[in-house]
Amino acid sequence: MMMLFIKDVPDQARAGEIKRVSRGYARNYLLPKGLAEIATDETLKRLEKIRNEGNTQRARETHVMEELAEALDNLTLTIAGRVTPTGRYYGAISGVRITEALGETLGREIDRRIANSVEPIREPGEYEIAIPLSSEITATINVVATIEE
């Protein structure tokens, strides 16, 4: 089934693209969420408008991510955790804890999907962590992992 994507769908298509998808995916996911429409003659006439809206939205998101990258660059976080007698953390400091600490430090919501790309910290020390904010933008933060007392 040929679909005209109205909004960006990660790992699938960008707004304004026409792509063939399975009927079940279209009927159960794309159409109910308003992410795409069936490609007909009428929808093809609106194609240019949809592409422009998608480009505008991507430019806005890129601008927001660039501002966030500037705020994050060279930021230092200190996170404490309990350690075993051998000096390793119980369970590690996960990417989720790091993104939560970032959110508290910056006073804004940080997308939790970022946590999936951050490796857990297993031992105390200083770490430089690259955080991918989008496919083109990456910020680098310093994390000081300390021993909880």
N, C-alpha and C. Protein backbone atom coordinates (compact mmCIF):
# COMPACT_ATOMS: atom_id res chain seq x y z
N MET A 1 0.85 -1.16 0.00
CA MET A 1 0.00 0.00 0.00
C MET A 1 0.90 1.23 0.00
N MET A 2 0.66 2.15 -0.93
CA MET A 2 1.47 3.36 -1.04
C MET A 2 0.93 4.41 -0.07
N MET A 3 1.84 4.94 0.75
CA MET A 3 1.45 5.92 1.76
C MET A 3 2.24 7.21 1.56
N LEU A 4 1.58 8.33 1.78
CA LEU A 4 2.22 9.64 1.79
C LEU A 4 2.41 10.02 3.25
N PHE A 5 3.65 10.16 3.68
CA PHE A 5 3.94 10.45 5.09
C PHE A 5 3.73 11.94 5.35
N ILE A 6 2.93 12.22 6.38
CA ILE A 6 2.61 13.60 6.75
C ILE A 6 3.61 14.10 7.78
N LYS A 7 4.08 13.22 8.65
CA LYS A 7 5.05 13.56 9.69
C LYS A 7 6.23 12.61 9.58
N ASP A 8 7.36 13.01 10.15
CA ASP A 8 8.53 12.14 10.20
C ASP A 8 8.23 10.93 11.06
N VAL A 9 8.60 9.75 10.58
CA VAL A 9 8.48 8.51 11.34
C VAL A 9 9.89 7.94 11.42
N PRO A 10 10.49 7.90 12.63
CA PRO A 10 11.87 7.43 12.76
C PRO A 10 12.07 6.05 12.15
N ASP A 11 13.17 5.90 11.44
CA ASP A 11 13.57 4.64 10.80
C ASP A 11 12.59 4.19 9.72
N GLN A 12 11.70 5.05 9.28
CA GLN A 12 10.74 4.66 8.25
C GLN A 12 10.76 5.65 7.09
N ALA A 13 10.37 6.90 7.34
CA ALA A 13 10.30 7.90 6.26
C ALA A 13 10.20 9.30 6.85
N ARG A 14 10.50 10.28 6.02
CA ARG A 14 10.36 11.68 6.41
C ARG A 14 9.06 12.24 5.85
N ALA A 15 8.64 13.35 6.41
CA ALA A 15 7.41 14.00 5.94
C ALA A 15 7.54 14.35 4.47
N GLY A 16 6.51 14.04 3.69
CA GLY A 16 6.51 14.34 2.27
C GLY A 16 6.99 13.20 1.40
N GLU A 17 7.48 12.13 1.98
CA GLU A 17 7.93 10.98 1.20
C GLU A 17 6.77 10.04 0.92
N ILE A 18 6.85 9.37 -0.21
CA ILE A 18 5.86 8.35 -0.56
C ILE A 18 6.58 7.02 -0.50
N LYS A 19 6.00 6.09 0.24
CA LYS A 19 6.66 4.81 0.46
C LYS A 19 5.63 3.70 0.50
N ARG A 20 6.04 2.51 0.08
CA ARG A 20 5.17 1.34 0.15
C ARG A 20 5.35 0.69 1.52
N VAL A 21 4.23 0.47 2.21
CA VAL A 21 4.24 -0.20 3.52
C VAL A 21 3.19 -1.30 3.52
N SER A 22 3.27 -2.19 4.48
CA SER A 22 2.28 -3.26 4.57
C SER A 22 0.93 -2.69 5.01
N ARG A 23 -0.12 -3.37 4.63
CA ARG A 23 -1.47 -2.89 4.96
C ARG A 23 -1.69 -2.83 6.47
N GLY A 24 -1.21 -3.84 7.18
CA GLY A 24 -1.39 -3.87 8.63
C GLY A 24 -0.70 -2.70 9.31
N TYR A 25 0.52 -2.38 8.89
CA TYR A 25 1.27 -1.26 9.46
C TYR A 25 0.53 0.04 9.19
N ALA A 26 0.02 0.18 7.97
CA ALA A 26 -0.72 1.40 7.62
C ALA A 26 -2.01 1.49 8.42
N ARG A 27 -2.77 0.42 8.46
CA ARG A 27 -4.10 0.44 9.09
C ARG A 27 -4.01 0.54 10.61
N ASN A 28 -3.02 -0.13 11.22
CA ASN A 28 -2.95 -0.20 12.67
C ASN A 28 -2.07 0.87 13.32
N TYR A 29 -1.16 1.46 12.56
CA TYR A 29 -0.24 2.41 13.18
C TYR A 29 -0.26 3.78 12.50
N LEU A 30 0.03 3.80 11.21
CA LEU A 30 0.20 5.09 10.53
C LEU A 30 -1.09 5.90 10.43
N LEU A 31 -2.16 5.28 9.99
CA LEU A 31 -3.42 6.01 9.81
C LEU A 31 -4.04 6.46 11.13
N PRO A 32 -4.15 5.60 12.17
CA PRO A 32 -4.76 6.07 13.42
C PRO A 32 -3.99 7.20 14.10
N LYS A 33 -2.67 7.21 13.97
CA LYS A 33 -1.86 8.25 14.61
C LYS A 33 -1.73 9.50 13.74
N GLY A 34 -2.26 9.46 12.53
CA GLY A 34 -2.19 10.62 11.65
C GLY A 34 -0.80 10.87 11.10
N LEU A 35 0.01 9.84 10.99
CA LEU A 35 1.38 9.99 10.50
C LEU A 35 1.47 9.93 8.98
N ALA A 36 0.48 9.30 8.35
CA ALA A 36 0.51 9.15 6.90
C ALA A 36 -0.92 9.04 6.37
N GLU A 37 -1.03 9.25 5.06
CA GLU A 37 -2.30 9.08 4.36
C GLU A 37 -2.07 8.18 3.16
N ILE A 38 -3.14 7.57 2.70
CA ILE A 38 -3.04 6.75 1.49
C ILE A 38 -2.74 7.68 0.32
N ALA A 39 -1.76 7.31 -0.50
CA ALA A 39 -1.34 8.15 -1.61
C ALA A 39 -2.37 8.09 -2.73
N THR A 40 -3.15 9.16 -2.85
CA THR A 40 -4.14 9.30 -3.92
C THR A 40 -3.79 10.54 -4.72
N ASP A 41 -4.55 10.80 -5.78
CA ASP A 41 -4.28 12.00 -6.59
C ASP A 41 -4.42 13.28 -5.77
N GLU A 42 -5.41 13.32 -4.88
CA GLU A 42 -5.61 14.51 -4.04
C GLU A 42 -4.45 14.73 -3.07
N THR A 43 -4.00 13.67 -2.45
CA THR A 43 -2.90 13.82 -1.49
C THR A 43 -1.60 14.16 -2.20
N LEU A 44 -1.43 13.68 -3.43
CA LEU A 44 -0.21 14.01 -4.17
C LEU A 44 -0.17 15.50 -4.52
N LYS A 45 -1.33 16.13 -4.68
CA LYS A 45 -1.37 17.56 -4.95
C LYS A 45 -0.91 18.37 -3.73
N ARG A 46 -1.13 17.83 -2.54
CA ARG A 46 -0.70 18.51 -1.30
C ARG A 46 0.73 18.17 -0.92
N LEU A 47 1.40 17.38 -1.73
CA LEU A 47 2.74 16.88 -1.42
C LEU A 47 3.73 18.00 -1.10
N GLU A 48 3.77 19.04 -1.90
CA GLU A 48 4.75 20.12 -1.70
C GLU A 48 4.52 20.83 -0.37
N LYS A 49 3.27 21.06 -0.02
CA LYS A 49 2.96 21.71 1.26
C LYS A 49 3.41 20.83 2.43
N ILE A 50 3.18 19.53 2.34
CA ILE A 50 3.58 18.60 3.40
C ILE A 50 5.10 18.57 3.52
N ARG A 51 5.80 18.57 2.39
CA ARG A 51 7.27 18.58 2.43
C ARG A 51 7.80 19.84 3.10
N ASN A 52 7.22 20.99 2.77
CA ASN A 52 7.66 22.25 3.37
C ASN A 52 7.42 22.25 4.88
N GLU A 53 6.26 21.75 5.31
CA GLU A 53 5.97 21.68 6.74
C GLU A 53 6.96 20.75 7.44
N GLY A 54 7.29 19.63 6.81
CA GLY A 54 8.26 18.70 7.39
C GLY A 54 9.64 19.32 7.50
N ASN A 55 10.06 20.05 6.46
CA ASN A 55 11.36 20.71 6.50
C ASN A 55 11.41 21.78 7.59
N THR A 56 10.31 22.52 7.75
CA THR A 56 10.24 23.55 8.79
C THR A 56 10.32 22.91 10.17
N GLN A 57 9.60 21.82 10.37
CA GLN A 57 9.62 21.12 11.66
C GLN A 57 11.02 20.58 11.97
N ARG A 58 11.69 19.99 10.96
CA ARG A 58 13.04 19.46 11.17
C ARG A 58 14.02 20.59 11.51
N ALA A 59 13.87 21.74 10.84
CA ALA A 59 14.75 22.88 11.12
C ALA A 59 14.55 23.37 12.55
N ARG A 60 13.29 23.40 13.01
CA ARG A 60 13.00 23.82 14.38
C ARG A 60 13.63 22.84 15.38
N GLU A 61 13.46 21.53 15.12
CA GLU A 61 14.02 20.52 16.02
C GLU A 61 15.54 20.58 16.03
N THR A 62 16.16 20.81 14.87
CA THR A 62 17.61 20.93 14.80
C THR A 62 18.09 22.12 15.61
N HIS A 63 17.38 23.23 15.52
CA HIS A 63 17.75 24.43 16.28
C HIS A 63 17.67 24.15 17.79
N VAL A 64 16.62 23.48 18.23
CA VAL A 64 16.47 23.14 19.65
C VAL A 64 17.60 22.21 20.09
N MET A 65 17.94 21.23 19.26
CA MET A 65 19.01 20.29 19.60
C MET A 65 20.37 21.00 19.65
N GLU A 66 20.60 21.97 18.76
CA GLU A 66 21.85 22.72 18.79
C GLU A 66 21.97 23.54 20.07
N GLU A 67 20.85 24.15 20.51
CA GLU A 67 20.87 24.89 21.77
C GLU A 67 21.16 23.96 22.95
N LEU A 68 20.54 22.78 22.93
CA LEU A 68 20.78 21.80 23.99
C LEU A 68 22.22 21.33 23.97
N ALA A 69 22.80 21.14 22.79
CA ALA A 69 24.19 20.72 22.68
C ALA A 69 25.13 21.77 23.25
N GLU A 70 24.83 23.06 23.01
CA GLU A 70 25.65 24.13 23.58
C GLU A 70 25.58 24.11 25.10
N ALA A 71 24.39 23.86 25.64
CA ALA A 71 24.23 23.82 27.10
C ALA A 71 24.95 22.62 27.69
N LEU A 72 24.99 21.52 26.96
CA LEU A 72 25.59 20.29 27.49
C LEU A 72 27.11 20.23 27.33
N ASP A 73 27.64 20.86 26.29
CA ASP A 73 29.08 20.76 26.04
C ASP A 73 29.88 21.21 27.25
N ASN A 74 30.80 20.36 27.63
CA ASN A 74 31.71 20.58 28.76
C ASN A 74 31.00 20.73 30.10
N LEU A 75 29.79 20.23 30.21
CA LEU A 75 29.07 20.18 31.48
C LEU A 75 29.64 19.03 32.30
N THR A 76 29.79 19.22 33.60
CA THR A 76 30.30 18.16 34.46
C THR A 76 29.22 17.75 35.45
N LEU A 77 28.89 16.46 35.45
CA LEU A 77 27.92 15.89 36.38
C LEU A 77 28.66 15.04 37.39
N THR A 78 28.21 15.08 38.63
CA THR A 78 28.76 14.21 39.66
C THR A 78 27.64 13.29 40.12
N ILE A 79 27.87 11.99 39.98
CA ILE A 79 26.88 10.99 40.35
C ILE A 79 27.54 9.99 41.29
N ALA A 80 26.88 9.74 42.42
CA ALA A 80 27.42 8.82 43.41
C ALA A 80 26.67 7.50 43.37
N GLY A 81 27.38 6.44 43.73
CA GLY A 81 26.76 5.11 43.78
C GLY A 81 27.46 4.23 44.80
N ARG A 82 26.76 3.20 45.26
CA ARG A 82 27.35 2.26 46.22
C ARG A 82 28.28 1.30 45.48
N VAL A 83 29.39 0.96 46.15
CA VAL A 83 30.36 0.07 45.52
C VAL A 83 30.54 -1.21 46.32
N THR A 84 31.00 -2.24 45.63
CA THR A 84 31.30 -3.53 46.25
C THR A 84 32.68 -3.45 46.89
N PRO A 85 33.07 -4.46 47.67
CA PRO A 85 34.42 -4.46 48.23
C PRO A 85 35.52 -4.46 47.17
N THR A 86 35.21 -4.92 45.96
CA THR A 86 36.21 -4.93 44.89
C THR A 86 36.31 -3.59 44.17
N GLY A 87 35.43 -2.63 44.51
CA GLY A 87 35.51 -1.30 43.93
C GLY A 87 34.61 -1.06 42.74
N ARG A 88 33.76 -2.01 42.40
CA ARG A 88 32.82 -1.83 41.29
C ARG A 88 31.45 -1.46 41.84
N TYR A 89 30.66 -0.76 41.03
CA TYR A 89 29.33 -0.35 41.46
C TYR A 89 28.39 -1.55 41.53
N TYR A 90 27.47 -1.50 42.50
CA TYR A 90 26.36 -2.44 42.53
C TYR A 90 25.43 -2.04 41.38
N GLY A 91 25.34 -2.83 40.37
CA GLY A 91 24.39 -2.57 39.29
C GLY A 91 24.84 -1.55 38.26
N ALA A 92 25.77 -0.70 38.50
CA ALA A 92 26.30 0.31 37.58
C ALA A 92 25.44 1.58 37.59
N ILE A 93 26.02 2.65 37.09
CA ILE A 93 25.30 3.91 36.90
C ILE A 93 24.81 3.87 35.46
N SER A 94 23.50 3.76 35.30
CA SER A 94 22.92 3.54 33.97
C SER A 94 22.74 4.85 33.21
N GLY A 95 22.46 4.69 31.93
CA GLY A 95 22.17 5.85 31.09
C GLY A 95 20.94 6.60 31.56
N VAL A 96 19.99 5.87 32.16
CA VAL A 96 18.77 6.51 32.68
C VAL A 96 19.13 7.47 33.81
N ARG A 97 20.01 7.02 34.73
CA ARG A 97 20.43 7.91 35.83
C ARG A 97 21.16 9.13 35.31
N ILE A 98 21.96 8.94 34.28
CA ILE A 98 22.71 10.06 33.71
C ILE A 98 21.75 11.06 33.07
N THR A 99 20.75 10.58 32.31
CA THR A 99 19.80 11.51 31.69
C THR A 99 18.92 12.19 32.73
N GLU A 100 18.58 11.49 33.82
CA GLU A 100 17.81 12.12 34.89
C GLU A 100 18.62 13.23 35.55
N ALA A 101 19.92 12.97 35.79
CA ALA A 101 20.79 13.99 36.37
C ALA A 101 20.94 15.18 35.43
N LEU A 102 21.01 14.92 34.13
CA LEU A 102 21.08 16.01 33.15
C LEU A 102 19.82 16.86 33.21
N GLY A 103 18.67 16.20 33.28
CA GLY A 103 17.40 16.92 33.35
C GLY A 103 17.31 17.79 34.58
N GLU A 104 17.76 17.27 35.73
CA GLU A 104 17.74 18.05 36.97
C GLU A 104 18.70 19.24 36.88
N THR A 105 19.88 19.01 36.31
CA THR A 105 20.88 20.07 36.21
C THR A 105 20.41 21.19 35.29
N LEU A 106 19.84 20.82 34.15
CA LEU A 106 19.42 21.82 33.17
C LEU A 106 18.03 22.38 33.45
N GLY A 107 17.25 21.68 34.27
CA GLY A 107 15.90 22.13 34.56
C GLY A 107 14.95 21.95 33.40
N ARG A 108 15.19 20.96 32.57
CA ARG A 108 14.32 20.68 31.43
C ARG A 108 14.23 19.18 31.21
N GLU A 109 13.22 18.78 30.48
CA GLU A 109 12.99 17.37 30.19
C GLU A 109 13.99 16.89 29.14
N ILE A 110 14.65 15.77 29.42
CA ILE A 110 15.58 15.16 28.47
C ILE A 110 14.94 13.88 27.95
N ASP A 111 14.99 13.69 26.65
CA ASP A 111 14.37 12.52 26.02
C ASP A 111 15.04 11.25 26.55
N ARG A 112 14.23 10.33 27.06
CA ARG A 112 14.77 9.11 27.66
C ARG A 112 15.38 8.16 26.64
N ARG A 113 15.06 8.34 25.35
CA ARG A 113 15.67 7.48 24.33
C ARG A 113 17.17 7.68 24.25
N ILE A 114 17.63 8.84 24.71
CA ILE A 114 19.07 9.12 24.72
C ILE A 114 19.78 8.14 25.64
N ALA A 115 19.10 7.73 26.71
CA ALA A 115 19.70 6.83 27.70
C ALA A 115 20.10 5.50 27.09
N ASN A 116 19.42 5.06 26.05
CA ASN A 116 19.75 3.78 25.43
C ASN A 116 21.11 3.79 24.76
N SER A 117 21.59 4.95 24.36
CA SER A 117 22.85 5.04 23.64
C SER A 117 24.04 5.32 24.56
N VAL A 118 23.78 5.47 25.86
CA VAL A 118 24.86 5.75 26.82
C VAL A 118 25.25 4.46 27.53
N GLU A 119 26.53 4.15 27.50
CA GLU A 119 27.03 2.94 28.16
C GLU A 119 27.00 3.13 29.68
N PRO A 120 26.64 2.09 30.43
CA PRO A 120 26.63 2.21 31.89
C PRO A 120 28.05 2.33 32.45
N ILE A 121 28.16 3.05 33.56
CA ILE A 121 29.44 3.24 34.24
C ILE A 121 29.52 2.21 35.35
N ARG A 122 30.57 1.40 35.36
CA ARG A 122 30.67 0.29 36.30
C ARG A 122 31.66 0.53 37.44
N GLU A 123 32.56 1.50 37.27
CA GLU A 123 33.57 1.77 38.30
C GLU A 123 33.68 3.28 38.53
N PRO A 124 34.04 3.69 39.76
CA PRO A 124 34.23 5.12 40.03
C PRO A 124 35.36 5.69 39.17
N GLY A 125 35.23 6.96 38.83
CA GLY A 125 36.25 7.63 38.03
C GLY A 125 35.64 8.78 37.24
N GLU A 126 36.44 9.33 36.33
CA GLU A 126 35.99 10.42 35.48
C GLU A 126 35.80 9.87 34.07
N TYR A 127 34.67 10.21 33.47
CA TYR A 127 34.33 9.70 32.14
C TYR A 127 33.88 10.84 31.25
N GLU A 128 34.25 10.75 29.98
CA GLU A 128 33.76 11.67 28.97
C GLU A 128 32.76 10.90 28.14
N ILE A 129 31.52 11.37 28.11
CA ILE A 129 30.44 10.63 27.46
C ILE A 129 29.87 11.46 26.31
N ALA A 130 29.79 10.84 25.14
CA ALA A 130 29.17 11.47 23.98
C ALA A 130 27.69 11.13 23.98
N ILE A 131 26.86 12.16 23.91
CA ILE A 131 25.41 11.97 23.93
C ILE A 131 24.85 12.38 22.57
N PRO A 132 24.32 11.40 21.81
CA PRO A 132 23.74 11.74 20.51
C PRO A 132 22.36 12.37 20.68
N LEU A 133 22.22 13.62 20.29
CA LEU A 133 20.95 14.33 20.42
C LEU A 133 20.08 14.13 19.18
N SER A 134 20.72 13.99 18.03
CA SER A 134 20.02 13.68 16.78
C SER A 134 21.03 12.95 15.90
N SER A 135 20.65 12.67 14.68
CA SER A 135 21.56 11.93 13.80
C SER A 135 22.80 12.75 13.45
N GLU A 136 22.71 14.09 13.50
CA GLU A 136 23.85 14.93 13.15
C GLU A 136 24.51 15.61 14.34
N ILE A 137 23.82 15.72 15.47
CA ILE A 137 24.31 16.52 16.59
C ILE A 137 24.64 15.63 17.78
N THR A 138 25.87 15.79 18.29
CA THR A 138 26.32 15.04 19.46
C THR A 138 26.93 16.02 20.45
N ALA A 139 26.57 15.87 21.72
CA ALA A 139 27.15 16.69 22.78
C ALA A 139 28.04 15.82 23.65
N THR A 140 29.05 16.42 24.25
CA THR A 140 29.97 15.69 25.12
C THR A 140 29.87 16.25 26.53
N ILE A 141 29.66 15.36 27.50
CA ILE A 141 29.61 15.78 28.90
C ILE A 141 30.66 15.00 29.68
N ASN A 142 31.04 15.55 30.81
CA ASN A 142 31.96 14.87 31.72
C ASN A 142 31.16 14.36 32.90
N VAL A 143 31.36 13.11 33.26
CA VAL A 143 30.68 12.51 34.40
C VAL A 143 31.73 12.07 35.39
N VAL A 144 31.59 12.57 36.62
CA VAL A 144 32.47 12.14 37.70
C VAL A 144 31.66 11.16 38.54
N ALA A 145 32.06 9.90 38.49
CA ALA A 145 31.37 8.86 39.24
C ALA A 145 32.10 8.70 40.57
N THR A 146 31.38 8.93 41.68
CA THR A 146 32.00 8.88 43.00
C THR A 146 31.38 7.77 43.84
N ILE A 147 31.97 7.55 45.00
CA ILE A 147 31.49 6.52 45.93
C ILE A 147 30.49 7.16 46.88
N GLU A 148 29.33 6.55 46.99
CA GLU A 148 28.29 7.03 47.89
C GLU A 148 28.68 6.70 49.33
N GLU A 149 28.49 7.66 50.20
CA GLU A 149 28.86 7.43 51.60
C GLU A 149 27.65 7.34 52.48
